[in-house]
Amino acid sequence: MTRTRRGLVAAVTSLALTGAAAGAAVAGDDDVLRRGSCTGSTDWKMKAGPDDGRIEVEAEIDSNRVGQTWRWVLRHDGAVVARGKSRTKGPSGSFEVERRTADHKGTDSFRFKAKHQGSGERCVGRVRL
């Protein structure tokens, strides 16, 4: 193998390892990530993970349309921990909800429901940690 080829292989390997490390920093080893589709063309994503003795929960609605209004509710073990109304923003046409909750004993169950105010499209995401 020539010196140039060895250098190229080393550079590509280094970039690949750097990319893998960056991805691991975004989602921790203990995080649980779930994705799914809504009743229309919208997608949802939920992530939950430990955070300093609490649980950080993130939910995202991605409709690829800017300016849509969605009503949403986040439940933890059946109890409402947050609710609100959000508008999708550019450039991706999405919105995200982040909350930190208590870490209950045993398995924690989260459910995020969202409804588009214009079309009535519904999204339901669940994650257990």
C-alpha atoms as a PDB file:
ATOM      1  CA  MET A   1       0.000   0.000   0.000  1.00  0.00           C
ATOM      2  CA  THR A   2       1.426   3.381  -0.914  1.00  0.00           C
ATOM      3  CA  ARG A   3       2.064   6.070   1.660  1.00  0.00           C
ATOM      4  CA  THR A   4      -0.709   8.225   0.118  1.00  0.00           C
ATOM      5  CA  ARG A   5      -3.273   5.414   0.326  1.00  0.00           C
ATOM      6  CA  ARG A   6      -2.311   4.653   3.940  1.00  0.00           C
ATOM      7  CA  GLY A   7      -2.746   8.337   4.805  1.00  0.00           C
ATOM      8  CA  LEU A   8      -6.144   8.419   3.107  1.00  0.00           C
ATOM      9  CA  VAL A   9      -7.303   5.267   4.919  1.00  0.00           C
ATOM     10  CA  ALA A  10      -6.134   6.726   8.250  1.00  0.00           C
ATOM     11  CA  ALA A  11      -7.968  10.012   7.575  1.00  0.00           C
ATOM     12  CA  VAL A  12     -11.220   8.284   6.617  1.00  0.00           C
ATOM     13  CA  THR A  13     -11.029   5.995   9.667  1.00  0.00           C
ATOM     14  CA  SER A  14     -10.383   8.994  11.915  1.00  0.00           C
ATOM     15  CA  LEU A  15     -13.393  10.862  10.496  1.00  0.00           C
ATOM     16  CA  ALA A  16     -15.632   7.819  10.928  1.00  0.00           C
ATOM     17  CA  LEU A  17     -14.580   7.404  14.560  1.00  0.00           C
ATOM     18  CA  THR A  18     -15.061  11.119  15.235  1.00  0.00           C
ATOM     19  CA  GLY A  19     -18.581  10.961  13.780  1.00  0.00           C
ATOM     20  CA  ALA A  20     -19.445   7.943  15.923  1.00  0.00           C
ATOM     21  CA  ALA A  21     -18.233   9.719  19.054  1.00  0.00           C
ATOM     22  CA  ALA A  22     -20.271  12.819  18.222  1.00  0.00           C
ATOM     23  CA  GLY A  23     -23.415  10.712  17.791  1.00  0.00           C
ATOM     24  CA  ALA A  24     -22.839   9.035  21.141  1.00  0.00           C
ATOM     25  CA  ALA A  25     -22.598  12.447  22.806  1.00  0.00           C
ATOM     26  CA  VAL A  26     -26.056  13.398  21.528  1.00  0.00           C
ATOM     27  CA  ALA A  27     -27.791  10.259  22.837  1.00  0.00           C
ATOM     28  CA  GLY A  28     -26.296   8.807  25.993  1.00  0.00           C
ATOM     29  CA  ASP A  29     -25.786   5.098  26.496  1.00  0.00           C
ATOM     30  CA  ASP A  30     -28.695   4.952  28.957  1.00  0.00           C
ATOM     31  CA  ASP A  31     -31.097   6.957  26.744  1.00  0.00           C
ATOM     32  CA  VAL A  32     -34.089   5.284  25.137  1.00  0.00           C
ATOM     33  CA  LEU A  33     -35.140   6.615  21.716  1.00  0.00           C
ATOM     34  CA  ARG A  34     -38.407   5.834  19.925  1.00  0.00           C
ATOM     35  CA  ARG A  35     -39.792   7.067  16.592  1.00  0.00           C
ATOM     36  CA  GLY A  36     -43.070   6.670  14.798  1.00  0.00           C
ATOM     37  CA  SER A  37     -45.632   8.047  12.399  1.00  0.00           C
ATOM     38  CA  CYS A  38     -48.737  10.045  13.181  1.00  0.00           C
ATOM     39  CA  THR A  39     -52.178   9.591  11.613  1.00  0.00           C
ATOM     40  CA  GLY A  40     -51.107  11.726   8.619  1.00  0.00           C
ATOM     41  CA  SER A  41     -47.709  12.480   7.106  1.00  0.00           C
ATOM     42  CA  THR A  42     -46.125  13.810  10.335  1.00  0.00           C
ATOM     43  CA  ASP A  43     -43.498  11.908  12.333  1.00  0.00           C
ATOM     44  CA  TRP A  44     -42.778  11.916  16.060  1.00  0.00           C
ATOM     45  CA  LYS A  45     -39.653  11.141  18.088  1.00  0.00           C
ATOM     46  CA  MET A  46     -39.225  10.678  21.844  1.00  0.00           C
ATOM     47  CA  LYS A  47     -36.121  10.284  23.959  1.00  0.00           C
ATOM     48  CA  ALA A  48     -35.787   9.693  27.695  1.00  0.00           C
ATOM     49  CA  GLY A  49     -32.633   9.353  29.745  1.00  0.00           C
ATOM     50  CA  PRO A  50     -31.209   9.808  33.219  1.00  0.00           C
ATOM     51  CA  ASP A  51     -30.041  13.309  34.109  1.00  0.00           C
ATOM     52  CA  ASP A  52     -28.535  13.998  37.564  1.00  0.00           C
ATOM     53  CA  GLY A  53     -31.006  11.803  39.471  1.00  0.00           C
ATOM     54  CA  ARG A  54     -33.960  12.910  37.350  1.00  0.00           C
ATOM     55  CA  ILE A  55     -35.199  11.915  33.900  1.00  0.00           C
ATOM     56  CA  GLU A  56     -34.952  14.196  30.887  1.00  0.00           C
ATOM     57  CA  VAL A  57     -37.697  13.603  28.339  1.00  0.00           C
ATOM     58  CA  GLU A  58     -37.710  15.105  24.855  1.00  0.00           C
ATOM     59  CA  ALA A  59     -40.539  14.842  22.344  1.00  0.00           C
ATOM     60  CA  GLU A  60     -40.442  16.172  18.795  1.00  0.00           C
ATOM     61  CA  ILE A  61     -43.138  16.593  16.157  1.00  0.00           C
ATOM     62  CA  ASP A  62     -41.869  16.968  12.586  1.00  0.00           C
ATOM     63  CA  SER A  63     -44.477  17.817   9.969  1.00  0.00           C
ATOM     64  CA  ASN A  64     -42.114  19.508   7.467  1.00  0.00           C
ATOM     65  CA  ARG A  65     -44.546  22.459   7.442  1.00  0.00           C
ATOM     66  CA  VAL A  66     -43.755  25.756   9.147  1.00  0.00           C
ATOM     67  CA  GLY A  67     -46.480  27.580  11.099  1.00  0.00           C
ATOM     68  CA  GLN A  68     -48.734  24.700  12.163  1.00  0.00           C
ATOM     69  CA  THR A  69     -50.270  24.912  15.638  1.00  0.00           C
ATOM     70  CA  TRP A  70     -50.312  21.754  17.748  1.00  0.00           C
ATOM     71  CA  ARG A  71     -51.785  21.120  21.207  1.00  0.00           C
ATOM     72  CA  TRP A  72     -49.860  18.555  23.234  1.00  0.00           C
ATOM     73  CA  VAL A  73     -49.741  16.780  26.599  1.00  0.00           C
ATOM     74  CA  LEU A  74     -46.908  14.843  28.266  1.00  0.00           C
ATOM     75  CA  ARG A  75     -47.726  12.163  30.843  1.00  0.00           C
ATOM     76  CA  HIS A  76     -45.394  10.394  33.259  1.00  0.00           C
ATOM     77  CA  ASP A  77     -46.772   7.144  34.685  1.00  0.00           C
ATOM     78  CA  GLY A  78     -50.262   8.347  33.732  1.00  0.00           C
ATOM     79  CA  ALA A  79     -50.057  11.766  35.417  1.00  0.00           C
ATOM     80  CA  VAL A  80     -49.936  14.966  33.356  1.00  0.00           C
ATOM     81  CA  VAL A  81     -46.550  16.646  33.846  1.00  0.00           C
ATOM     82  CA  ALA A  82     -46.880  19.259  31.082  1.00  0.00           C
ATOM     83  CA  ARG A  83     -49.279  20.487  28.448  1.00  0.00           C
ATOM     84  CA  GLY A  84     -49.226  23.289  25.962  1.00  0.00           C
ATOM     85  CA  LYS A  85     -49.566  24.629  22.473  1.00  0.00           C
ATOM     86  CA  SER A  86     -46.615  24.860  20.086  1.00  0.00           C
ATOM     87  CA  ARG A  87     -46.059  26.087  16.559  1.00  0.00           C
ATOM     88  CA  THR A  88     -43.807  24.353  14.045  1.00  0.00           C
ATOM     89  CA  LYS A  89     -40.804  26.467  13.126  1.00  0.00           C
ATOM     90  CA  GLY A  90     -38.400  26.667  10.219  1.00  0.00           C
ATOM     91  CA  PRO A  91     -36.436  25.502   8.572  1.00  0.00           C
ATOM     92  CA  SER A  92     -37.549  21.949   9.414  1.00  0.00           C
ATOM     93  CA  GLY A  93     -41.238  22.468  10.238  1.00  0.00           C
ATOM     94  CA  SER A  94     -40.940  20.917  13.684  1.00  0.00           C
ATOM     95  CA  PHE A  95     -41.178  21.693  17.379  1.00  0.00           C
ATOM     96  CA  GLU A  96     -39.698  20.065  20.462  1.00  0.00           C
ATOM     97  CA  VAL A  97     -40.791  19.766  24.086  1.00  0.00           C
ATOM     98  CA  GLU A  98     -38.205  19.073  26.824  1.00  0.00           C
ATOM     99  CA  ARG A  99     -38.939  18.385  30.459  1.00  0.00           C
ATOM    100  CA  ARG A 100     -37.069  16.993  33.466  1.00  0.00           C
ATOM    101  CA  THR A 101     -39.147  14.837  35.805  1.00  0.00           C
ATOM    102  CA  ALA A 102     -38.630  12.852  38.978  1.00  0.00           C
ATOM    103  CA  ASP A 103     -37.234   9.349  38.563  1.00  0.00           C
ATOM    104  CA  HIS A 104     -39.908   7.039  40.025  1.00  0.00           C
ATOM    105  CA  LYS A 105     -39.020   3.615  41.409  1.00  0.00           C
ATOM    106  CA  GLY A 106     -39.068   0.882  38.798  1.00  0.00           C
ATOM    107  CA  THR A 107     -39.779   1.517  35.137  1.00  0.00           C
ATOM    108  CA  ASP A 108     -40.909   5.042  34.206  1.00  0.00           C
ATOM    109  CA  SER A 109     -43.476   5.301  31.394  1.00  0.00           C
ATOM    110  CA  PHE A 110     -43.936   8.455  29.302  1.00  0.00           C
ATOM    111  CA  ARG A 111     -46.622   9.247  26.734  1.00  0.00           C
ATOM    112  CA  PHE A 112     -46.672  12.305  24.480  1.00  0.00           C
ATOM    113  CA  LYS A 113     -49.845  13.117  22.559  1.00  0.00           C
ATOM    114  CA  ALA A 114     -50.160  15.953  20.057  1.00  0.00           C
ATOM    115  CA  LYS A 115     -53.033  17.109  17.865  1.00  0.00           C
ATOM    116  CA  HIS A 116     -52.746  19.462  14.871  1.00  0.00           C
ATOM    117  CA  GLN A 117     -55.335  22.194  15.297  1.00  0.00           C
ATOM    118  CA  GLY A 118     -56.043  22.579  11.570  1.00  0.00           C
ATOM    119  CA  SER A 119     -56.332  19.027  10.265  1.00  0.00           C
ATOM    120  CA  GLY A 120     -56.999  17.058  13.437  1.00  0.00           C
ATOM    121  CA  GLU A 121     -53.981  14.815  12.765  1.00  0.00           C
ATOM    122  CA  ARG A 122     -52.876  13.014  15.927  1.00  0.00           C
ATOM    123  CA  CYS A 123     -49.548  11.752  17.183  1.00  0.00           C
ATOM    124  CA  VAL A 124     -48.953   9.428  20.137  1.00  0.00           C
ATOM    125  CA  GLY A 125     -45.449   8.548  21.261  1.00  0.00           C
ATOM    126  CA  ARG A 126     -44.443   6.295  24.139  1.00  0.00           C
ATOM    127  CA  VAL A 127     -41.138   5.553  25.793  1.00  0.00           C
ATOM    128  CA  ARG A 128     -40.233   3.519  28.895  1.00  0.00           C
ATOM    129  CA  LEU A 129     -37.074   3.894  30.913  1.00  0.00           C
END
